[in-house]
């Protein structure tokens, strides 16, 4: 399974929540870094760390797959199993 297949495959619920938290962290860090006012160096450094941590959490969570669903999809040809992913 290549990286694109992993990114498109179903993700477990826990990692969906973790992905959303990572997106929020990256957004908050980006807002701190793009702030139009002069902020202390410590705050800007924390903003950079938030962007990095959020991006890593989002990327790792997105490529985590649900093996139970993948095994079910491998057993049936396309078109037979028409249930939406949960």
PDB file of N, CA and C in Angstrom:
ATOM      1  N   UNK A   1       0.858  -1.167   0.000  1.00  0.00           N
ATOM      2  CA  UNK A   1       0.000   0.000   0.000  1.00  0.00           C
ATOM      3  C   UNK A   1       0.905   1.232   0.000  1.00  0.00           C
ATOM      4  N   UNK A   2       0.722   2.095  -0.988  1.00  0.00           N
ATOM      5  CA  UNK A   2       1.554   3.289  -1.051  1.00  0.00           C
ATOM      6  C   UNK A   2       0.941   4.420  -0.219  1.00  0.00           C
ATOM      7  N   UNK A   3       1.617   5.536  -0.173  1.00  0.00           N
ATOM      8  CA  UNK A   3       1.220   6.640   0.700  1.00  0.00           C
ATOM      9  C   UNK A   3      -0.127   7.236   0.293  1.00  0.00           C
ATOM     10  N   UNK A   4      -0.394   7.323  -0.978  1.00  0.00           N
ATOM     11  CA  UNK A   4      -1.662   7.906  -1.431  1.00  0.00           C
ATOM     12  C   UNK A   4      -2.827   6.994  -1.069  1.00  0.00           C
ATOM     13  N   UNK A   5      -2.653   5.680  -1.191  1.00  0.00           N
ATOM     14  CA  UNK A   5      -3.701   4.741  -0.777  1.00  0.00           C
ATOM     15  C   UNK A   5      -3.950   4.834   0.725  1.00  0.00           C
ATOM     16  N   UNK A   6      -2.879   4.989   1.494  1.00  0.00           N
ATOM     17  CA  UNK A   6      -3.038   5.118   2.946  1.00  0.00           C
ATOM     18  C   UNK A   6      -3.788   6.384   3.309  1.00  0.00           C
ATOM     19  N   UNK A   7      -3.502   7.483   2.614  1.00  0.00           N
ATOM     20  CA  UNK A   7      -4.164   8.750   2.915  1.00  0.00           C
ATOM     21  C   UNK A   7      -5.646   8.704   2.554  1.00  0.00           C
ATOM     22  N   UNK A   8      -6.009   7.930   1.531  1.00  0.00           N
ATOM     23  CA  UNK A   8      -7.402   7.839   1.099  1.00  0.00           C
ATOM     24  C   UNK A   8      -8.197   6.784   1.870  1.00  0.00           C
ATOM     25  N   UNK A   9      -7.529   5.885   2.566  1.00  0.00           N
ATOM     26  CA  UNK A   9      -8.222   4.801   3.259  1.00  0.00           C
ATOM     27  C   UNK A   9      -8.886   5.306   4.545  1.00  0.00           C
ATOM     28  N   UNK A  10      -9.824   4.525   5.093  1.00  0.00           N
ATOM     29  CA  UNK A  10     -10.542   4.943   6.304  1.00  0.00           C
ATOM     30  C   UNK A  10      -9.594   5.117   7.491  1.00  0.00           C
ATOM     31  N   UNK A  11      -9.896   6.116   8.315  1.00  0.00           N
ATOM     32  CA  UNK A  11      -9.093   6.439   9.486  1.00  0.00           C
ATOM     33  C   UNK A  11      -9.909   6.110  10.739  1.00  0.00           C
ATOM     34  N   UNK A  12      -9.295   5.503  11.766  1.00  0.00           N
ATOM     35  CA  UNK A  12     -10.026   5.244  13.015  1.00  0.00           C
ATOM     36  C   UNK A  12     -10.482   6.543  13.673  1.00  0.00           C
ATOM     37  N   UNK A  13     -11.534   6.445  14.479  1.00  0.00           N
ATOM     38  CA  UNK A  13     -12.145   7.632  15.090  1.00  0.00           C
ATOM     39  C   UNK A  13     -11.151   8.409  15.942  1.00  0.00           C
ATOM     40  N   UNK A  14     -10.344   7.733  16.743  1.00  0.00           N
ATOM     41  CA  UNK A  14      -9.380   8.421  17.610  1.00  0.00           C
ATOM     42  C   UNK A  14      -8.435   9.300  16.794  1.00  0.00           C
ATOM     43  N   UNK A  15      -7.985   8.782  15.665  1.00  0.00           N
ATOM     44  CA  UNK A  15      -7.038   9.543  14.850  1.00  0.00           C
ATOM     45  C   UNK A  15      -7.720  10.664  14.077  1.00  0.00           C
ATOM     46  N   UNK A  16      -9.024  10.541  13.836  1.00  0.00           N
ATOM     47  CA  UNK A  16      -9.760  11.664  13.263  1.00  0.00           C
ATOM     48  C   UNK A  16      -9.802  12.825  14.254  1.00  0.00           C
ATOM     49  N   UNK A  17     -10.052  12.507  15.517  1.00  0.00           N
ATOM     50  CA  UNK A  17     -10.065  13.540  16.555  1.00  0.00           C
ATOM     51  C   UNK A  17      -8.675  14.141  16.710  1.00  0.00           C
ATOM     52  N   UNK A  18      -7.649  13.295  16.724  1.00  0.00           N
ATOM     53  CA  UNK A  18      -6.274  13.775  16.841  1.00  0.00           C
ATOM     54  C   UNK A  18      -5.886  14.639  15.644  1.00  0.00           C
ATOM     55  N   UNK A  19      -6.341  14.285  14.455  1.00  0.00           N
ATOM     56  CA  UNK A  19      -6.078  15.090  13.258  1.00  0.00           C
ATOM     57  C   UNK A  19      -6.693  16.478  13.389  1.00  0.00           C
ATOM     58  N   UNK A  20      -7.926  16.531  13.895  1.00  0.00           N
ATOM     59  CA  UNK A  20      -8.582  17.826  14.065  1.00  0.00           C
ATOM     60  C   UNK A  20      -7.880  18.682  15.115  1.00  0.00           C
ATOM     61  N   UNK A  21      -7.394  18.063  16.171  1.00  0.00           N
ATOM     62  CA  UNK A  21      -6.629  18.801  17.182  1.00  0.00           C
ATOM     63  C   UNK A  21      -5.332  19.326  16.572  1.00  0.00           C
ATOM     64  N   UNK A  22      -4.681  18.515  15.755  1.00  0.00           N
ATOM     65  CA  UNK A  22      -3.460  18.948  15.084  1.00  0.00           C
ATOM     66  C   UNK A  22      -3.701  20.124  14.152  1.00  0.00           C
ATOM     67  N   UNK A  23      -4.822  20.093  13.445  1.00  0.00           N
ATOM     68  CA  UNK A  23      -5.164  21.221  12.567  1.00  0.00           C
ATOM     69  C   UNK A  23      -5.383  22.483  13.389  1.00  0.00           C
ATOM     70  N   UNK A  24      -6.057  22.348  14.529  1.00  0.00           N
ATOM     71  CA  UNK A  24      -6.295  23.511  15.392  1.00  0.00           C
ATOM     72  C   UNK A  24      -4.985  24.065  15.943  1.00  0.00           C
ATOM     73  N   UNK A  25      -4.068  23.173  16.354  1.00  0.00           N
ATOM     74  CA  UNK A  25      -2.768  23.635  16.864  1.00  0.00           C
ATOM     75  C   UNK A  25      -1.978  24.369  15.789  1.00  0.00           C
ATOM     76  N   UNK A  26      -1.964  23.828  14.590  1.00  0.00           N
ATOM     77  CA  UNK A  26      -1.229  24.465  13.498  1.00  0.00           C
ATOM     78  C   UNK A  26      -1.842  25.816  13.153  1.00  0.00           C
ATOM     79  N   UNK A  27      -3.156  25.909  13.189  1.00  0.00           N
ATOM     80  CA  UNK A  27      -3.825  27.171  12.899  1.00  0.00           C
ATOM     81  C   UNK A  27      -3.516  28.218  13.967  1.00  0.00           C
ATOM     82  N   UNK A  28      -3.554  27.805  15.226  1.00  0.00           N
ATOM     83  CA  UNK A  28      -3.249  28.738  16.317  1.00  0.00           C
ATOM     84  C   UNK A  28      -1.799  29.217  16.225  1.00  0.00           C
ATOM     85  N   UNK A  29      -0.889  28.310  15.948  1.00  0.00           N
ATOM     86  CA  UNK A  29       0.515  28.690  15.797  1.00  0.00           C
ATOM     87  C   UNK A  29       0.731  29.619  14.620  1.00  0.00           C
ATOM     88  N   UNK A  30       0.040  29.356  13.524  1.00  0.00           N
ATOM     89  CA  UNK A  30       0.136  30.229  12.356  1.00  0.00           C
ATOM     90  C   UNK A  30      -0.407  31.616  12.631  1.00  0.00           C
ATOM     91  N   UNK A  31      -1.480  31.691  13.418  1.00  0.00           N
ATOM     92  CA  UNK A  31      -2.032  32.995  13.778  1.00  0.00           C
ATOM     93  C   UNK A  31      -1.062  33.780  14.658  1.00  0.00           C
ATOM     94  N   UNK A  32      -0.385  33.081  15.539  1.00  0.00           N
ATOM     95  CA  UNK A  32       0.608  33.748  16.393  1.00  0.00           C
ATOM     96  C   UNK A  32       1.769  34.255  15.550  1.00  0.00           C
ATOM     97  N   UNK A  33       2.242  33.423  14.625  1.00  0.00           N
ATOM     98  CA  UNK A  33       3.371  33.827  13.788  1.00  0.00           C
ATOM     99  C   UNK A  33       3.013  34.971  12.842  1.00  0.00           C
ATOM    100  N   UNK A  34       1.772  35.020  12.377  1.00  0.00           N
ATOM    101  CA  UNK A  34       1.358  36.044  11.427  1.00  0.00           C
ATOM    102  C   UNK A  34       0.780  37.284  12.107  1.00  0.00           C
ATOM    103  N   UNK A  35       0.895  37.352  13.401  1.00  0.00           N
ATOM    104  CA  UNK A  35       0.343  38.474  14.152  1.00  0.00           C
ATOM    105  C   UNK A  35       0.980  39.790  13.708  1.00  0.00           C
ATOM    106  N   UNK A  36       0.167  40.826  13.478  1.00  0.00           N
ATOM    107  CA  UNK A  36       0.717  42.102  13.006  1.00  0.00           C
ATOM    108  C   UNK A  36       1.370  42.941  14.104  1.00  0.00           C
ATOM    109  N   UNK A  37       1.254  42.528  15.350  1.00  0.00           N
ATOM    110  CA  UNK A  37       1.869  43.279  16.445  1.00  0.00           C
ATOM    111  C   UNK A  37       3.164  42.602  16.867  1.00  0.00           C
ATOM    112  N   UNK A  38       4.021  43.361  17.490  1.00  0.00           N
ATOM    113  CA  UNK A  38       5.293  42.806  17.970  1.00  0.00           C
ATOM    114  C   UNK A  38       5.031  41.978  19.220  1.00  0.00           C
ATOM    115  N   UNK A  39       5.408  40.714  19.153  1.00  0.00           N
ATOM    116  CA  UNK A  39       5.228  39.809  20.288  1.00  0.00           C
ATOM    117  C   UNK A  39       6.590  39.438  20.851  1.00  0.00           C
ATOM    118  N   UNK A  40       6.626  39.067  22.136  1.00  0.00           N
ATOM    119  CA  UNK A  40       7.902  38.622  22.701  1.00  0.00           C
ATOM    120  C   UNK A  40       8.448  37.395  21.964  1.00  0.00           C
ATOM    121  N   UNK A  41       9.743  37.236  22.029  1.00  0.00           N
ATOM    122  CA  UNK A  41      10.407  36.134  21.331  1.00  0.00           C
ATOM    123  C   UNK A  41       9.888  34.781  21.806  1.00  0.00           C
ATOM    124  N   UNK A  42       9.599  34.659  23.087  1.00  0.00           N
ATOM    125  CA  UNK A  42       9.111  33.386  23.644  1.00  0.00           C
ATOM    126  C   UNK A  42       7.776  33.010  23.002  1.00  0.00           C
ATOM    127  N   UNK A  43       6.897  33.974  22.834  1.00  0.00           N
ATOM    128  CA  UNK A  43       5.579  33.692  22.252  1.00  0.00           C
ATOM    129  C   UNK A  43       5.717  33.276  20.785  1.00  0.00           C
ATOM    130  N   UNK A  44       6.585  33.940  20.051  1.00  0.00           N
ATOM    131  CA  UNK A  44       6.805  33.587  18.646  1.00  0.00           C
ATOM    132  C   UNK A  44       7.422  32.196  18.541  1.00  0.00           C
ATOM    133  N   UNK A  45       8.339  31.865  19.444  1.00  0.00           N
ATOM    134  CA  UNK A  45       8.939  30.532  19.452  1.00  0.00           C
ATOM    135  C   UNK A  45       7.890  29.464  19.734  1.00  0.00           C
ATOM    136  N   UNK A  46       7.008  29.738  20.683  1.00  0.00           N
ATOM    137  CA  UNK A  46       5.930  28.788  20.997  1.00  0.00           C
ATOM    138  C   UNK A  46       5.006  28.632  19.789  1.00  0.00           C
ATOM    139  N   UNK A  47       4.750  29.710  19.080  1.00  0.00           N
ATOM    140  CA  UNK A  47       3.933  29.637  17.867  1.00  0.00           C
ATOM    141  C   UNK A  47       4.555  28.720  16.828  1.00  0.00           C
ATOM    142  N   UNK A  48       5.877  28.800  16.676  1.00  0.00           N
ATOM    143  CA  UNK A  48       6.561  27.912  15.740  1.00  0.00           C
ATOM    144  C   UNK A  48       6.459  26.460  16.144  1.00  0.00           C
ATOM    145  N   UNK A  49       6.581  26.212  17.444  1.00  0.00           N
ATOM    146  CA  UNK A  49       6.450  24.837  17.931  1.00  0.00           C
ATOM    147  C   UNK A  49       5.030  24.321  17.730  1.00  0.00           C
ATOM    148  N   UNK A  50       4.029  25.184  17.912  1.00  0.00           N
ATOM    149  CA  UNK A  50       2.641  24.772  17.704  1.00  0.00           C
ATOM    150  C   UNK A  50       2.391  24.382  16.249  1.00  0.00           C
ATOM    151  N   UNK A  51       2.931  25.166  15.331  1.00  0.00           N
ATOM    152  CA  UNK A  51       2.772  24.847  13.906  1.00  0.00           C
ATOM    153  C   UNK A  51       3.411  23.501  13.594  1.00  0.00           C
ATOM    154  N   UNK A  52       4.613  23.284  14.109  1.00  0.00           N
ATOM    155  CA  UNK A  52       5.321  22.026  13.843  1.00  0.00           C
ATOM    156  C   UNK A  52       4.583  20.836  14.446  1.00  0.00           C
ATOM    157  N   UNK A  53       4.191  20.950  15.708  1.00  0.00           N
ATOM    158  CA  UNK A  53       3.488  19.844  16.375  1.00  0.00           C
ATOM    159  C   UNK A  53       2.152  19.556  15.703  1.00  0.00           C
ATOM    160  N   UNK A  54       1.434  20.594  15.323  1.00  0.00           N
ATOM    161  CA  UNK A  54       0.152  20.406  14.654  1.00  0.00           C
ATOM    162  C   UNK A  54       0.298  19.750  13.300  1.00  0.00           C
ATOM    163  N   UNK A  55       1.312  20.155  12.550  1.00  0.00           N
ATOM    164  CA  UNK A  55       1.528  19.566  11.226  1.00  0.00           C
ATOM    165  C   UNK A  55       1.908  18.097  11.330  1.00  0.00           C
ATOM    166  N   UNK A  56       2.768  17.767  12.275  1.00  0.00           N
ATOM    167  CA  UNK A  56       3.181  16.369  12.449  1.00  0.00           C
ATOM    168  C   UNK A  56       1.998  15.512  12.908  1.00  0.00           C
ATOM    169  N   UNK A  57       1.227  15.996  13.883  1.00  0.00           N
ATOM    170  CA  UNK A  57       0.072  15.237  14.375  1.00  0.00           C
ATOM    171  C   UNK A  57      -0.950  15.022  13.260  1.00  0.00           C
ATOM    172  N   UNK A  58      -1.173  16.040  12.457  1.00  0.00           N
ATOM    173  CA  UNK A  58      -2.123  15.922  11.351  1.00  0.00           C
ATOM    174  C   UNK A  58      -1.646  14.921  10.312  1.00  0.00           C
ATOM    175  N   UNK A  59      -0.382  14.990   9.944  1.00  0.00           N
ATOM    176  CA  UNK A  59       0.150  14.084   8.916  1.00  0.00           C
ATOM    177  C   UNK A  59       0.137  12.632   9.385  1.00  0.00           C
ATOM    178  N   UNK A  60       0.574  12.397  10.604  1.00  0.00           N
ATOM    179  CA  UNK A  60       0.604  11.021  11.118  1.00  0.00           C
ATOM    180  C   UNK A  60      -0.808  10.472  11.271  1.00  0.00           C
ATOM    181  N   UNK A  61      -1.735  11.298  11.741  1.00  0.00           N
ATOM    182  CA  UNK A  61      -3.109  10.837  11.924  1.00  0.00           C
ATOM    183  C   UNK A  61      -3.783  10.539  10.599  1.00  0.00           C
ATOM    184  N   UNK A  62      -3.463  11.290   9.565  1.00  0.00           N
ATOM    185  CA  UNK A  62      -4.116  11.081   8.279  1.00  0.00           C
ATOM    186  C   UNK A  62      -3.699   9.772   7.625  1.00  0.00           C
ATOM    187  N   UNK A  63      -2.482   9.326   7.801  1.00  0.00           N
ATOM    188  CA  UNK A  63      -2.028   8.104   7.134  1.00  0.00           C
ATOM    189  C   UNK A  63      -2.194   6.857   7.991  1.00  0.00           C
ATOM    190  N   UNK A  64      -2.842   6.985   9.157  1.00  0.00           N
ATOM    191  CA  UNK A  64      -3.151   5.816   9.974  1.00  0.00           C
ATOM    192  C   UNK A  64      -4.404   5.161   9.418  1.00  0.00           C
ATOM    193  N   UNK A  65      -4.359   3.855   9.204  1.00  0.00           N
ATOM    194  CA  UNK A  65      -5.494   3.162   8.586  1.00  0.00           C
ATOM    195  C   UNK A  65      -6.178   2.243   9.586  1.00  0.00           C
ATOM    196  N   UNK A  66      -7.434   1.953   9.280  1.00  0.00           N
ATOM    197  CA  UNK A  66      -8.227   1.030  10.082  1.00  0.00           C
ATOM    198  C   UNK A  66      -8.128  -0.345   9.424  1.00  0.00           C
ATOM    199  N   UNK A  67      -7.367  -1.250  10.025  1.00  0.00           N
ATOM    200  CA  UNK A  67      -7.106  -2.558   9.410  1.00  0.00           C
ATOM    201  C   UNK A  67      -8.356  -3.409   9.265  1.00  0.00           C
ATOM    202  N   UNK A  68      -9.299  -3.315  10.203  1.00  0.00           N
ATOM    203  CA  UNK A  68     -10.514  -4.119  10.105  1.00  0.00           C
ATOM    204  C   UNK A  68     -11.310  -3.752   8.853  1.00  0.00           C
ATOM    205  N   UNK A  69     -11.435  -2.471   8.584  1.00  0.00           N
ATOM    206  CA  UNK A  69     -12.165  -2.034   7.398  1.00  0.00           C
ATOM    207  C   UNK A  69     -11.400  -2.418   6.140  1.00  0.00           C
ATOM    208  N   UNK A  70     -10.086  -2.289   6.183  1.00  0.00           N
ATOM    209  CA  UNK A  70      -9.284  -2.625   5.005  1.00  0.00           C
ATOM    210  C   UNK A  70      -9.387  -4.117   4.684  1.00  0.00           C
ATOM    211  N   UNK A  71      -9.414  -4.985   5.699  1.00  0.00           N
ATOM    212  CA  UNK A  71      -9.560  -6.420   5.453  1.00  0.00           C
ATOM    213  C   UNK A  71     -10.915  -6.731   4.841  1.00  0.00           C
ATOM    214  N   UNK A  72     -11.966  -6.036   5.295  1.00  0.00           N
ATOM    215  CA  UNK A  72     -13.302  -6.242   4.737  1.00  0.00           C
ATOM    216  C   UNK A  72     -13.338  -5.807   3.284  1.00  0.00           C
ATOM    217  N   UNK A  73     -12.708  -4.663   2.972  1.00  0.00           N
ATOM    218  CA  UNK A  73     -12.716  -4.169   1.595  1.00  0.00           C
ATOM    219  C   UNK A  73     -11.914  -5.063   0.668  1.00  0.00           C
ATOM    220  N   UNK A  74     -10.880  -5.733   1.177  1.00  0.00           N
ATOM    221  CA  UNK A  74     -10.076  -6.627   0.347  1.00  0.00           C
ATOM    222  C   UNK A  74     -10.828  -7.914   0.014  1.00  0.00           C
ATOM    223  N   UNK A  75     -11.760  -8.336   0.877  1.00  0.00           N
ATOM    224  CA  UNK A  75     -12.499  -9.572   0.647  1.00  0.00           C
ATOM    225  C   UNK A  75     -13.536  -9.419  -0.463  1.00  0.00           C
ATOM    226  N   UNK A  76     -14.104  -8.218  -0.591  1.00  0.00           N
ATOM    227  CA  UNK A  76     -15.178  -8.004  -1.550  1.00  0.00           C
ATOM    228  C   UNK A  76     -14.690  -7.158  -2.712  1.00  0.00           C
ATOM    229  N   UNK A  77     -15.092  -7.520  -3.924  1.00  0.00           N
ATOM    230  CA  UNK A  77     -14.747  -6.673  -5.073  1.00  0.00           C
ATOM    231  C   UNK A  77     -15.469  -5.332  -4.987  1.00  0.00           C
ATOM    232  N   UNK A  78     -14.992  -4.376  -5.744  1.00  0.00           N
ATOM    233  CA  UNK A  78     -15.622  -3.060  -5.739  1.00  0.00           C
ATOM    234  C   UNK A  78     -17.056  -3.172  -6.228  1.00  0.00           C
ATOM    235  N   UNK A  79     -17.948  -2.439  -5.565  1.00  0.00           N
ATOM    236  CA  UNK A  79     -19.345  -2.429  -5.972  1.00  0.00           C
ATOM    237  C   UNK A  79     -20.224  -3.336  -5.138  1.00  0.00           C
ATOM    238  N   UNK A  80     -19.663  -4.388  -4.526  1.00  0.00           N
ATOM    239  CA  UNK A  80     -20.486  -5.291  -3.718  1.00  0.00           C
ATOM    240  C   UNK A  80     -20.724  -4.681  -2.343  1.00  0.00           C
ATOM    241  N   UNK A  81     -19.709  -4.076  -1.775  1.00  0.00           N
ATOM    242  CA  UNK A  81     -19.829  -3.488  -0.445  1.00  0.00           C
ATOM    243  C   UNK A  81     -20.039  -1.985  -0.619  1.00  0.00           C
ATOM    244  N   UNK A  82     -21.283  -1.547  -0.549  1.00  0.00           N
ATOM    245  CA  UNK A  82     -21.598  -0.146  -0.815  1.00  0.00           C
ATOM    246  C   UNK A  82     -21.917   0.635   0.450  1.00  0.00           C
ATOM    247  N   UNK A  83     -21.380   0.234   1.574  1.00  0.00           N
ATOM    248  CA  UNK A  83     -21.613   0.967   2.808  1.00  0.00           C
ATOM    249  C   UNK A  83     -20.655   2.142   2.903  1.00  0.00           C
ATOM    250  N   UNK A  84     -21.131   3.279   3.418  1.00  0.00           N
ATOM    251  CA  UNK A  84     -20.213   4.400   3.605  1.00  0.00           C
ATOM    252  C   UNK A  84     -19.255   4.103   4.757  1.00  0.00           C
ATOM    253  N   UNK A  85     -18.073   4.702   4.695  1.00  0.00           N
ATOM    254  CA  UNK A  85     -17.099   4.528   5.773  1.00  0.00           C
ATOM    255  C   UNK A  85     -17.582   5.241   7.015  1.00  0.00           C
ATOM    256  N   UNK A  86     -17.317   4.623   8.156  1.00  0.00           N
ATOM    257  CA  UNK A  86     -17.724   5.245   9.426  1.00  0.00           C
ATOM    258  C   UNK A  86     -16.510   5.703  10.172  1.00  0.00           C
TER     259      UNK A  86
END
